[in-house]
Amino acid sequence: QMNSLKPEDTAVYYCAADEVSPLRMA
């Protein structure tokens, strides 16, 4: 959720996943 957007927020936005233990809290 992106609020109060600024011109400097202009970019390509990427989602990424790190496979970890399902109970990892970090």
mmCIF file of all heavy atoms, coordinates in Angstrom:
data_MODEL
# 
_entry.id   MODEL 
# 
loop_
_atom_site.group_PDB 
_atom_site.id 
_atom_site.type_symbol 
_atom_site.label_atom_id 
_atom_site.label_alt_id 
_atom_site.label_comp_id 
_atom_site.label_asym_id 
_atom_site.label_entity_id 
_atom_site.label_seq_id 
_atom_site.pdbx_PDB_ins_code 
_atom_site.Cartn_x 
_atom_site.Cartn_y 
_atom_site.Cartn_z 
_atom_site.occupancy 
_atom_site.B_iso_or_equiv 
_atom_site.pdbx_formal_charge 
_atom_site.auth_seq_id 
_atom_site.auth_comp_id 
_atom_site.auth_asym_id 
_atom_site.auth_atom_id 
_atom_site.pdbx_PDB_model_num 
ATOM 1   N N   . GLN A 1 1  ? 0.857  -1.181  0.000   1.00 0.00 ? 1  GLN A N   1 
ATOM 2   C CA  . GLN A 1 1  ? 0.000  0.000   0.000   1.00 0.00 ? 1  GLN A CA  1 
ATOM 3   C C   . GLN A 1 1  ? 0.892  1.229   0.000   1.00 0.00 ? 1  GLN A C   1 
ATOM 4   O O   . GLN A 1 1  ? 1.712  1.402   0.900   1.00 0.00 ? 1  GLN A O   1 
ATOM 5   C CB  . GLN A 1 1  ? -0.909 0.011   1.228   1.00 0.00 ? 1  GLN A CB  1 
ATOM 6   C CG  . GLN A 1 1  ? -1.805 1.218   1.316   1.00 0.00 ? 1  GLN A CG  1 
ATOM 7   C CD  . GLN A 1 1  ? -2.839 1.272   0.208   1.00 0.00 ? 1  GLN A CD  1 
ATOM 8   O OE1 . GLN A 1 1  ? -3.455 0.257   -0.113  1.00 0.00 ? 1  GLN A OE1 1 
ATOM 9   N NE2 . GLN A 1 1  ? -3.032 2.445   -0.379  1.00 0.00 ? 1  GLN A NE2 1 
ATOM 10  N N   . MET A 1 2  ? 0.730  2.070   -1.015  1.00 0.00 ? 2  MET A N   1 
ATOM 11  C CA  . MET A 1 2  ? 1.577  3.244   -1.174  1.00 0.00 ? 2  MET A CA  1 
ATOM 12  C C   . MET A 1 2  ? 0.704  4.491   -1.090  1.00 0.00 ? 2  MET A C   1 
ATOM 13  O O   . MET A 1 2  ? -0.181 4.691   -1.931  1.00 0.00 ? 2  MET A O   1 
ATOM 14  C CB  . MET A 1 2  ? 2.310  3.192   -2.518  1.00 0.00 ? 2  MET A CB  1 
ATOM 15  C CG  . MET A 1 2  ? 3.094  1.908   -2.719  1.00 0.00 ? 2  MET A CG  1 
ATOM 16  S SD  . MET A 1 2  ? 4.117  1.939   -4.206  1.00 0.00 ? 2  MET A SD  1 
ATOM 17  C CE  . MET A 1 2  ? 2.853  2.009   -5.466  1.00 0.00 ? 2  MET A CE  1 
ATOM 18  N N   . ASN A 1 3  ? 0.967  5.297   -0.090  1.00 0.00 ? 3  ASN A N   1 
ATOM 19  C CA  . ASN A 1 3  ? 0.223  6.539   0.119   1.00 0.00 ? 3  ASN A CA  1 
ATOM 20  C C   . ASN A 1 3  ? 1.154  7.736   0.007   1.00 0.00 ? 3  ASN A C   1 
ATOM 21  O O   . ASN A 1 3  ? 2.379  7.589   0.076   1.00 0.00 ? 3  ASN A O   1 
ATOM 22  C CB  . ASN A 1 3  ? -0.442 6.528   1.492   1.00 0.00 ? 3  ASN A CB  1 
ATOM 23  C CG  . ASN A 1 3  ? -1.424 5.387   1.668   1.00 0.00 ? 3  ASN A CG  1 
ATOM 24  O OD1 . ASN A 1 3  ? -2.121 4.999   0.733   1.00 0.00 ? 3  ASN A OD1 1 
ATOM 25  N ND2 . ASN A 1 3  ? -1.482 4.839   2.875   1.00 0.00 ? 3  ASN A ND2 1 
ATOM 26  N N   . SER A 1 4  ? 0.571  8.906   -0.154  1.00 0.00 ? 4  SER A N   1 
ATOM 27  C CA  . SER A 1 4  ? 1.346  10.149  -0.234  1.00 0.00 ? 4  SER A CA  1 
ATOM 28  C C   . SER A 1 4  ? 2.491  10.019  -1.227  1.00 0.00 ? 4  SER A C   1 
ATOM 29  O O   . SER A 1 4  ? 3.642  10.357  -0.930  1.00 0.00 ? 4  SER A O   1 
ATOM 30  C CB  . SER A 1 4  ? 1.878  10.519  1.153   1.00 0.00 ? 4  SER A CB  1 
ATOM 31  O OG  . SER A 1 4  ? 0.831  10.660  2.088   1.00 0.00 ? 4  SER A OG  1 
ATOM 32  N N   . LEU A 1 5  ? 2.180  9.532   -2.394  1.00 0.00 ? 5  LEU A N   1 
ATOM 33  C CA  . LEU A 1 5  ? 3.210  9.270   -3.391  1.00 0.00 ? 5  LEU A CA  1 
ATOM 34  C C   . LEU A 1 5  ? 3.875  10.555  -3.865  1.00 0.00 ? 5  LEU A C   1 
ATOM 35  O O   . LEU A 1 5  ? 3.230  11.610  -3.957  1.00 0.00 ? 5  LEU A O   1 
ATOM 36  C CB  . LEU A 1 5  ? 2.614  8.509   -4.569  1.00 0.00 ? 5  LEU A CB  1 
ATOM 37  C CG  . LEU A 1 5  ? 2.394  7.018   -4.294  1.00 0.00 ? 5  LEU A CG  1 
ATOM 38  C CD1 . LEU A 1 5  ? 1.390  6.420   -5.267  1.00 0.00 ? 5  LEU A CD1 1 
ATOM 39  C CD2 . LEU A 1 5  ? 3.718  6.265   -4.377  1.00 0.00 ? 5  LEU A CD2 1 
ATOM 40  N N   . LYS A 1 6  ? 5.155  10.437  -4.157  1.00 0.00 ? 6  LYS A N   1 
ATOM 41  C CA  . LYS A 1 6  ? 5.972  11.555  -4.614  1.00 0.00 ? 6  LYS A CA  1 
ATOM 42  C C   . LYS A 1 6  ? 6.551  11.221  -5.988  1.00 0.00 ? 6  LYS A C   1 
ATOM 43  O O   . LYS A 1 6  ? 6.713  10.036  -6.311  1.00 0.00 ? 6  LYS A O   1 
ATOM 44  C CB  . LYS A 1 6  ? 7.115  11.790  -3.630  1.00 0.00 ? 6  LYS A CB  1 
ATOM 45  C CG  . LYS A 1 6  ? 6.683  12.002  -2.185  1.00 0.00 ? 6  LYS A CG  1 
ATOM 46  C CD  . LYS A 1 6  ? 7.908  12.106  -1.273  1.00 0.00 ? 6  LYS A CD  1 
ATOM 47  C CE  . LYS A 1 6  ? 7.496  12.286  0.174   1.00 0.00 ? 6  LYS A CE  1 
ATOM 48  N NZ  . LYS A 1 6  ? 8.691  12.383  1.065   1.00 0.00 ? 6  LYS A NZ  1 
ATOM 49  N N   . PRO A 1 7  ? 6.915  12.252  -6.758  1.00 0.00 ? 7  PRO A N   1 
ATOM 50  C CA  . PRO A 1 7  ? 7.537  11.965  -8.062  1.00 0.00 ? 7  PRO A CA  1 
ATOM 51  C C   . PRO A 1 7  ? 8.777  11.073  -7.948  1.00 0.00 ? 7  PRO A C   1 
ATOM 52  O O   . PRO A 1 7  ? 9.036  10.263  -8.844  1.00 0.00 ? 7  PRO A O   1 
ATOM 53  C CB  . PRO A 1 7  ? 7.882  13.355  -8.585  1.00 0.00 ? 7  PRO A CB  1 
ATOM 54  C CG  . PRO A 1 7  ? 6.842  14.240  -7.975  1.00 0.00 ? 7  PRO A CG  1 
ATOM 55  C CD  . PRO A 1 7  ? 6.613  13.674  -6.600  1.00 0.00 ? 7  PRO A CD  1 
ATOM 56  N N   . GLU A 1 8  ? 9.506  11.186  -6.865  1.00 0.00 ? 8  GLU A N   1 
ATOM 57  C CA  . GLU A 1 8  ? 10.709 10.354  -6.690  1.00 0.00 ? 8  GLU A CA  1 
ATOM 58  C C   . GLU A 1 8  ? 10.384 8.892   -6.399  1.00 0.00 ? 8  GLU A C   1 
ATOM 59  O O   . GLU A 1 8  ? 11.286 8.056   -6.334  1.00 0.00 ? 8  GLU A O   1 
ATOM 60  C CB  . GLU A 1 8  ? 11.617 10.927  -5.587  1.00 0.00 ? 8  GLU A CB  1 
ATOM 61  C CG  . GLU A 1 8  ? 10.917 11.197  -4.280  1.00 0.00 ? 8  GLU A CG  1 
ATOM 62  C CD  . GLU A 1 8  ? 10.507 12.660  -4.144  1.00 0.00 ? 8  GLU A CD  1 
ATOM 63  O OE1 . GLU A 1 8  ? 9.993  13.241  -5.139  1.00 0.00 ? 8  GLU A OE1 1 
ATOM 64  O OE2 . GLU A 1 8  ? 10.700 13.227  -3.044  1.00 0.00 ? 8  GLU A OE2 1 
ATOM 65  N N   . ASP A 1 9  ? 9.125  8.562   -6.223  1.00 0.00 ? 9  ASP A N   1 
ATOM 66  C CA  . ASP A 1 9  ? 8.724  7.160   -6.086  1.00 0.00 ? 9  ASP A CA  1 
ATOM 67  C C   . ASP A 1 9  ? 8.566  6.484   -7.451  1.00 0.00 ? 9  ASP A C   1 
ATOM 68  O O   . ASP A 1 9  ? 8.336  5.270   -7.514  1.00 0.00 ? 9  ASP A O   1 
ATOM 69  C CB  . ASP A 1 9  ? 7.398  7.045   -5.326  1.00 0.00 ? 9  ASP A CB  1 
ATOM 70  C CG  . ASP A 1 9  ? 7.506  7.490   -3.878  1.00 0.00 ? 9  ASP A CG  1 
ATOM 71  O OD1 . ASP A 1 9  ? 8.516  7.150   -3.227  1.00 0.00 ? 9  ASP A OD1 1 
ATOM 72  O OD2 . ASP A 1 9  ? 6.578  8.179   -3.403  1.00 0.00 ? 9  ASP A OD2 1 
ATOM 73  N N   . THR A 1 10 ? 8.683  7.251   -8.514  1.00 0.00 ? 10 THR A N   1 
ATOM 74  C CA  . THR A 1 10 ? 8.575  6.682   -9.855  1.00 0.00 ? 10 THR A CA  1 
ATOM 75  C C   . THR A 1 10 ? 9.665  5.644   -10.079 1.00 0.00 ? 10 THR A C   1 
ATOM 76  O O   . THR A 1 10 ? 10.853 5.938   -9.897  1.00 0.00 ? 10 THR A O   1 
ATOM 77  C CB  . THR A 1 10 ? 8.677  7.789   -10.910 1.00 0.00 ? 10 THR A CB  1 
ATOM 78  O OG1 . THR A 1 10 ? 7.553  8.661   -10.776 1.00 0.00 ? 10 THR A OG1 1 
ATOM 79  C CG2 . THR A 1 10 ? 8.709  7.207   -12.320 1.00 0.00 ? 10 THR A CG2 1 
ATOM 80  N N   . ALA A 1 11 ? 9.253  4.437   -10.447 1.00 0.00 ? 11 ALA A N   1 
ATOM 81  C CA  . ALA A 1 11 ? 10.197 3.334   -10.621 1.00 0.00 ? 11 ALA A CA  1 
ATOM 82  C C   . ALA A 1 11 ? 9.436  2.104   -11.109 1.00 0.00 ? 11 ALA A C   1 
ATOM 83  O O   . ALA A 1 11 ? 8.203  2.092   -11.123 1.00 0.00 ? 11 ALA A O   1 
ATOM 84  C CB  . ALA A 1 11 ? 10.891 3.004   -9.300  1.00 0.00 ? 11 ALA A CB  1 
ATOM 85  N N   . VAL A 1 12 ? 10.195 1.096   -11.473 1.00 0.00 ? 12 VAL A N   1 
ATOM 86  C CA  . VAL A 1 12 ? 9.619  -0.235  -11.668 1.00 0.00 ? 12 VAL A CA  1 
ATOM 87  C C   . VAL A 1 12 ? 9.695  -0.947  -10.316 1.00 0.00 ? 12 VAL A C   1 
ATOM 88  O O   . VAL A 1 12 ? 10.756 -0.995  -9.692  1.00 0.00 ? 12 VAL A O   1 
ATOM 89  C CB  . VAL A 1 12 ? 10.365 -1.034  -12.736 1.00 0.00 ? 12 VAL A CB  1 
ATOM 90  C CG1 . VAL A 1 12 ? 9.766  -2.436  -12.868 1.00 0.00 ? 12 VAL A CG1 1 
ATOM 91  C CG2 . VAL A 1 12 ? 10.323 -0.305  -14.073 1.00 0.00 ? 12 VAL A CG2 1 
ATOM 92  N N   . TYR A 1 13 ? 8.570  -1.486  -9.898  1.00 0.00 ? 13 TYR A N   1 
ATOM 93  C CA  . TYR A 1 13 ? 8.476  -2.148  -8.603  1.00 0.00 ? 13 TYR A CA  1 
ATOM 94  C C   . TYR A 1 13 ? 8.448  -3.659  -8.797  1.00 0.00 ? 13 TYR A C   1 
ATOM 95  O O   . TYR A 1 13 ? 7.676  -4.176  -9.615  1.00 0.00 ? 13 TYR A O   1 
ATOM 96  C CB  . TYR A 1 13 ? 7.232  -1.678  -7.860  1.00 0.00 ? 13 TYR A CB  1 
ATOM 97  C CG  . TYR A 1 13 ? 7.386  -0.303  -7.272  1.00 0.00 ? 13 TYR A CG  1 
ATOM 98  C CD1 . TYR A 1 13 ? 7.457  0.819   -8.089  1.00 0.00 ? 13 TYR A CD1 1 
ATOM 99  C CD2 . TYR A 1 13 ? 7.509  -0.111  -5.899  1.00 0.00 ? 13 TYR A CD2 1 
ATOM 100 C CE1 . TYR A 1 13 ? 7.630  2.087   -7.566  1.00 0.00 ? 13 TYR A CE1 1 
ATOM 101 C CE2 . TYR A 1 13 ? 7.673  1.144   -5.362  1.00 0.00 ? 13 TYR A CE2 1 
ATOM 102 C CZ  . TYR A 1 13 ? 7.742  2.246   -6.199  1.00 0.00 ? 13 TYR A CZ  1 
ATOM 103 O OH  . TYR A 1 13 ? 7.921  3.499   -5.667  1.00 0.00 ? 13 TYR A OH  1 
ATOM 104 N N   . TYR A 1 14 ? 9.296  -4.334  -8.033  1.00 0.00 ? 14 TYR A N   1 
ATOM 105 C CA  . TYR A 1 14 ? 9.444  -5.776  -8.141  1.00 0.00 ? 14 TYR A CA  1 
ATOM 106 C C   . TYR A 1 14 ? 9.089  -6.453  -6.819  1.00 0.00 ? 14 TYR A C   1 
ATOM 107 O O   . TYR A 1 14 ? 9.456  -5.976  -5.744  1.00 0.00 ? 14 TYR A O   1 
ATOM 108 C CB  . TYR A 1 14 ? 10.881 -6.157  -8.481  1.00 0.00 ? 14 TYR A CB  1 
ATOM 109 C CG  . TYR A 1 14 ? 11.386 -5.633  -9.795  1.00 0.00 ? 14 TYR A CG  1 
ATOM 110 C CD1 . TYR A 1 14 ? 12.022 -4.400  -9.878  1.00 0.00 ? 14 TYR A CD1 1 
ATOM 111 C CD2 . TYR A 1 14 ? 11.237 -6.382  -10.956 1.00 0.00 ? 14 TYR A CD2 1 
ATOM 112 C CE1 . TYR A 1 14 ? 12.497 -3.913  -11.082 1.00 0.00 ? 14 TYR A CE1 1 
ATOM 113 C CE2 . TYR A 1 14 ? 11.708 -5.910  -12.169 1.00 0.00 ? 14 TYR A CE2 1 
ATOM 114 C CZ  . TYR A 1 14 ? 12.335 -4.671  -12.220 1.00 0.00 ? 14 TYR A CZ  1 
ATOM 115 O OH  . TYR A 1 14 ? 12.810 -4.206  -13.422 1.00 0.00 ? 14 TYR A OH  1 
ATOM 116 N N   . CYS A 1 15 ? 8.439  -7.578  -6.941  1.00 0.00 ? 15 CYS A N   1 
ATOM 117 C CA  . CYS A 1 15 ? 8.168  -8.449  -5.812  1.00 0.00 ? 15 CYS A CA  1 
ATOM 118 C C   . CYS A 1 15 ? 9.213  -9.574  -5.831  1.00 0.00 ? 15 CYS A C   1 
ATOM 119 O O   . CYS A 1 15 ? 9.612  -10.038 -6.914  1.00 0.00 ? 15 CYS A O   1 
ATOM 120 C CB  . CYS A 1 15 ? 6.764  -9.017  -5.975  1.00 0.00 ? 15 CYS A CB  1 
ATOM 121 S SG  . CYS A 1 15 ? 6.292  -10.281 -4.809  1.00 0.00 ? 15 CYS A SG  1 
ATOM 122 N N   . ALA A 1 16 ? 9.646  -9.999  -4.656  1.00 0.00 ? 16 ALA A N   1 
ATOM 123 C CA  . ALA A 1 16 ? 10.639 -11.067 -4.571  1.00 0.00 ? 16 ALA A CA  1 
ATOM 124 C C   . ALA A 1 16 ? 10.338 -11.981 -3.390  1.00 0.00 ? 16 ALA A C   1 
ATOM 125 O O   . ALA A 1 16 ? 9.742  -11.546 -2.401  1.00 0.00 ? 16 ALA A O   1 
ATOM 126 C CB  . ALA A 1 16 ? 12.041 -10.478 -4.436  1.00 0.00 ? 16 ALA A CB  1 
ATOM 127 N N   . ALA A 1 17 ? 10.762 -13.242 -3.513  1.00 0.00 ? 17 ALA A N   1 
ATOM 128 C CA  . ALA A 1 17 ? 10.516 -14.242 -2.474  1.00 0.00 ? 17 ALA A CA  1 
ATOM 129 C C   . ALA A 1 17 ? 11.807 -14.946 -2.080  1.00 0.00 ? 17 ALA A C   1 
ATOM 130 O O   . ALA A 1 17 ? 12.600 -15.341 -2.947  1.00 0.00 ? 17 ALA A O   1 
ATOM 131 C CB  . ALA A 1 17 ? 9.505  -15.274 -2.965  1.00 0.00 ? 17 ALA A CB  1 
ATOM 132 N N   . ASP A 1 18 ? 11.997 -15.074 -0.792  1.00 0.00 ? 18 ASP A N   1 
ATOM 133 C CA  . ASP A 1 18 ? 13.139 -15.814 -0.229  1.00 0.00 ? 18 ASP A CA  1 
ATOM 134 C C   . ASP A 1 18 ? 12.572 -17.063 0.440   1.00 0.00 ? 18 ASP A C   1 
ATOM 135 O O   . ASP A 1 18 ? 11.843 -16.954 1.429   1.00 0.00 ? 18 ASP A O   1 
ATOM 136 C CB  . ASP A 1 18 ? 13.861 -14.918 0.780   1.00 0.00 ? 18 ASP A CB  1 
ATOM 137 C CG  . ASP A 1 18 ? 14.963 -15.655 1.522   1.00 0.00 ? 18 ASP A CG  1 
ATOM 138 O OD1 . ASP A 1 18 ? 15.458 -16.672 1.008   1.00 0.00 ? 18 ASP A OD1 1 
ATOM 139 O OD2 . ASP A 1 18 ? 15.333 -15.202 2.628   1.00 0.00 ? 18 ASP A OD2 1 
ATOM 140 N N   . GLU A 1 19 ? 12.892 -18.234 -0.088  1.00 0.00 ? 19 GLU A N   1 
ATOM 141 C CA  . GLU A 1 19 ? 12.383 -19.469 0.490   1.00 0.00 ? 19 GLU A CA  1 
ATOM 142 C C   . GLU A 1 19 ? 13.070 -19.747 1.818   1.00 0.00 ? 19 GLU A C   1 
ATOM 143 O O   . GLU A 1 19 ? 14.306 -19.837 1.877   1.00 0.00 ? 19 GLU A O   1 
ATOM 144 C CB  . GLU A 1 19 ? 12.573 -20.647 -0.464  1.00 0.00 ? 19 GLU A CB  1 
ATOM 145 C CG  . GLU A 1 19 ? 11.902 -21.920 0.027   1.00 0.00 ? 19 GLU A CG  1 
ATOM 146 C CD  . GLU A 1 19 ? 11.927 -23.028 -1.002  1.00 0.00 ? 19 GLU A CD  1 
ATOM 147 O OE1 . GLU A 1 19 ? 12.146 -22.747 -2.196  1.00 0.00 ? 19 GLU A OE1 1 
ATOM 148 O OE2 . GLU A 1 19 ? 11.714 -24.193 -0.611  1.00 0.00 ? 19 GLU A OE2 1 
ATOM 149 N N   . VAL A 1 20 ? 12.259 -19.851 2.872   1.00 0.00 ? 20 VAL A N   1 
ATOM 150 C CA  . VAL A 1 20 ? 12.788 -20.007 4.228   1.00 0.00 ? 20 VAL A CA  1 
ATOM 151 C C   . VAL A 1 20 ? 11.945 -21.028 4.975   1.00 0.00 ? 20 VAL A C   1 
ATOM 152 O O   . VAL A 1 20 ? 10.929 -21.519 4.467   1.00 0.00 ? 20 VAL A O   1 
ATOM 153 C CB  . VAL A 1 20 ? 12.770 -18.666 4.989   1.00 0.00 ? 20 VAL A CB  1 
ATOM 154 C CG1 . VAL A 1 20 ? 13.640 -17.618 4.295   1.00 0.00 ? 20 VAL A CG1 1 
ATOM 155 C CG2 . VAL A 1 20 ? 11.340 -18.136 5.125   1.00 0.00 ? 20 VAL A CG2 1 
ATOM 156 N N   . SER A 1 21 ? 12.344 -21.313 6.197   1.00 0.00 ? 21 SER A N   1 
ATOM 157 C CA  . SER A 1 21 ? 11.511 -22.128 7.059   1.00 0.00 ? 21 SER A CA  1 
ATOM 158 C C   . SER A 1 21 ? 10.161 -21.436 7.264   1.00 0.00 ? 21 SER A C   1 
ATOM 159 O O   . SER A 1 21 ? 10.123 -20.227 7.463   1.00 0.00 ? 21 SER A O   1 
ATOM 160 C CB  . SER A 1 21 ? 12.182 -22.317 8.415   1.00 0.00 ? 21 SER A CB  1 
ATOM 161 O OG  . SER A 1 21 ? 11.263 -22.834 9.357   1.00 0.00 ? 21 SER A OG  1 
ATOM 162 N N   . PRO A 1 22 ? 9.059  -22.162 7.194   1.00 0.00 ? 22 PRO A N   1 
ATOM 163 C CA  . PRO A 1 22 ? 7.736  -21.530 7.328   1.00 0.00 ? 22 PRO A CA  1 
ATOM 164 C C   . PRO A 1 22 ? 7.545  -20.750 8.625   1.00 0.00 ? 22 PRO A C   1 
ATOM 165 O O   . PRO A 1 22 ? 6.734  -19.823 8.669   1.00 0.00 ? 22 PRO A O   1 
ATOM 166 C CB  . PRO A 1 22 ? 6.774  -22.716 7.259   1.00 0.00 ? 22 PRO A CB  1 
ATOM 167 C CG  . PRO A 1 22 ? 7.506  -23.741 6.472   1.00 0.00 ? 22 PRO A CG  1 
ATOM 168 C CD  . PRO A 1 22 ? 8.944  -23.594 6.887   1.00 0.00 ? 22 PRO A CD  1 
ATOM 169 N N   . LEU A 1 23 ? 8.297  -21.104 9.676   1.00 0.00 ? 23 LEU A N   1 
ATOM 170 C CA  . LEU A 1 23 ? 8.136  -20.439 10.966  1.00 0.00 ? 23 LEU A CA  1 
ATOM 171 C C   . LEU A 1 23 ? 9.223  -19.393 11.219  1.00 0.00 ? 23 LEU A C   1 
ATOM 172 O O   . LEU A 1 23 ? 9.341  -18.876 12.331  1.00 0.00 ? 23 LEU A O   1 
ATOM 173 C CB  . LEU A 1 23 ? 8.129  -21.472 12.093  1.00 0.00 ? 23 LEU A CB  1 
ATOM 174 C CG  . LEU A 1 23 ? 6.975  -22.476 12.043  1.00 0.00 ? 23 LEU A CG  1 
ATOM 175 C CD1 . LEU A 1 23 ? 7.057  -23.435 13.218  1.00 0.00 ? 23 LEU A CD1 1 
ATOM 176 C CD2 . LEU A 1 23 ? 5.631  -21.762 12.032  1.00 0.00 ? 23 LEU A CD2 1 
ATOM 177 N N   . ARG A 1 24 ? 9.962  -19.051 10.215  1.00 0.00 ? 24 ARG A N   1 
ATOM 178 C CA  . ARG A 1 24 ? 11.012 -18.042 10.371  1.00 0.00 ? 24 ARG A CA  1 
ATOM 179 C C   . ARG A 1 24 ? 10.365 -16.669 10.536  1.00 0.00 ? 24 ARG A C   1 
ATOM 180 O O   . ARG A 1 24 ? 9.541  -16.262 9.706   1.00 0.00 ? 24 ARG A O   1 
ATOM 181 C CB  . ARG A 1 24 ? 11.944 -18.046 9.171   1.00 0.00 ? 24 ARG A CB  1 
ATOM 182 C CG  . ARG A 1 24 ? 13.113 -17.060 9.266   1.00 0.00 ? 24 ARG A CG  1 
ATOM 183 C CD  . ARG A 1 24 ? 14.056 -17.289 8.094   1.00 0.00 ? 24 ARG A CD  1 
ATOM 184 N NE  . ARG A 1 24 ? 15.221 -16.419 8.117   1.00 0.00 ? 24 ARG A NE  1 
ATOM 185 C CZ  . ARG A 1 24 ? 15.308 -15.288 7.432   1.00 0.00 ? 24 ARG A CZ  1 
ATOM 186 N NH1 . ARG A 1 24 ? 14.315 -14.888 6.684   1.00 0.00 ? 24 ARG A NH1 1 
ATOM 187 N NH2 . ARG A 1 24 ? 16.410 -14.564 7.498   1.00 0.00 ? 24 ARG A NH2 1 
ATOM 188 N N   . MET A 1 25 ? 10.767 -15.957 11.561  1.00 0.00 ? 25 MET A N   1 
ATOM 189 C CA  . MET A 1 25 ? 10.132 -14.689 11.895  1.00 0.00 ? 25 MET A CA  1 
ATOM 190 C C   . MET A 1 25 ? 10.948 -13.480 11.459  1.00 0.00 ? 25 MET A C   1 
ATOM 191 O O   . MET A 1 25 ? 10.504 -12.350 11.647  1.00 0.00 ? 25 MET A O   1 
ATOM 192 C CB  . MET A 1 25 ? 9.849  -14.636 13.394  1.00 0.00 ? 25 MET A CB  1 
ATOM 193 C CG  . MET A 1 25 ? 8.915  -15.735 13.872  1.00 0.00 ? 25 MET A CG  1 
ATOM 194 S SD  . MET A 1 25 ? 8.629  -15.720 15.641  1.00 0.00 ? 25 MET A SD  1 
ATOM 195 C CE  . MET A 1 25 ? 7.662  -14.230 15.799  1.00 0.00 ? 25 MET A CE  1 
ATOM 196 N N   . ALA A 1 26 ? 12.106 -13.696 10.885  1.00 0.00 ? 26 ALA A N   1 
ATOM 197 C CA  . ALA A 1 26 ? 12.956 -12.583 10.478  1.00 0.00 ? 26 ALA A CA  1 
ATOM 198 C C   . ALA A 1 26 ? 12.618 -12.154 9.054   1.00 0.00 ? 26 ALA A C   1 
ATOM 199 O O   . ALA A 1 26 ? 12.240 -12.978 8.216   1.00 0.00 ? 26 ALA A O   1 
ATOM 200 C CB  . ALA A 1 26 ? 14.416 -12.975 10.563  1.00 0.00 ? 26 ALA A CB  1 
# 
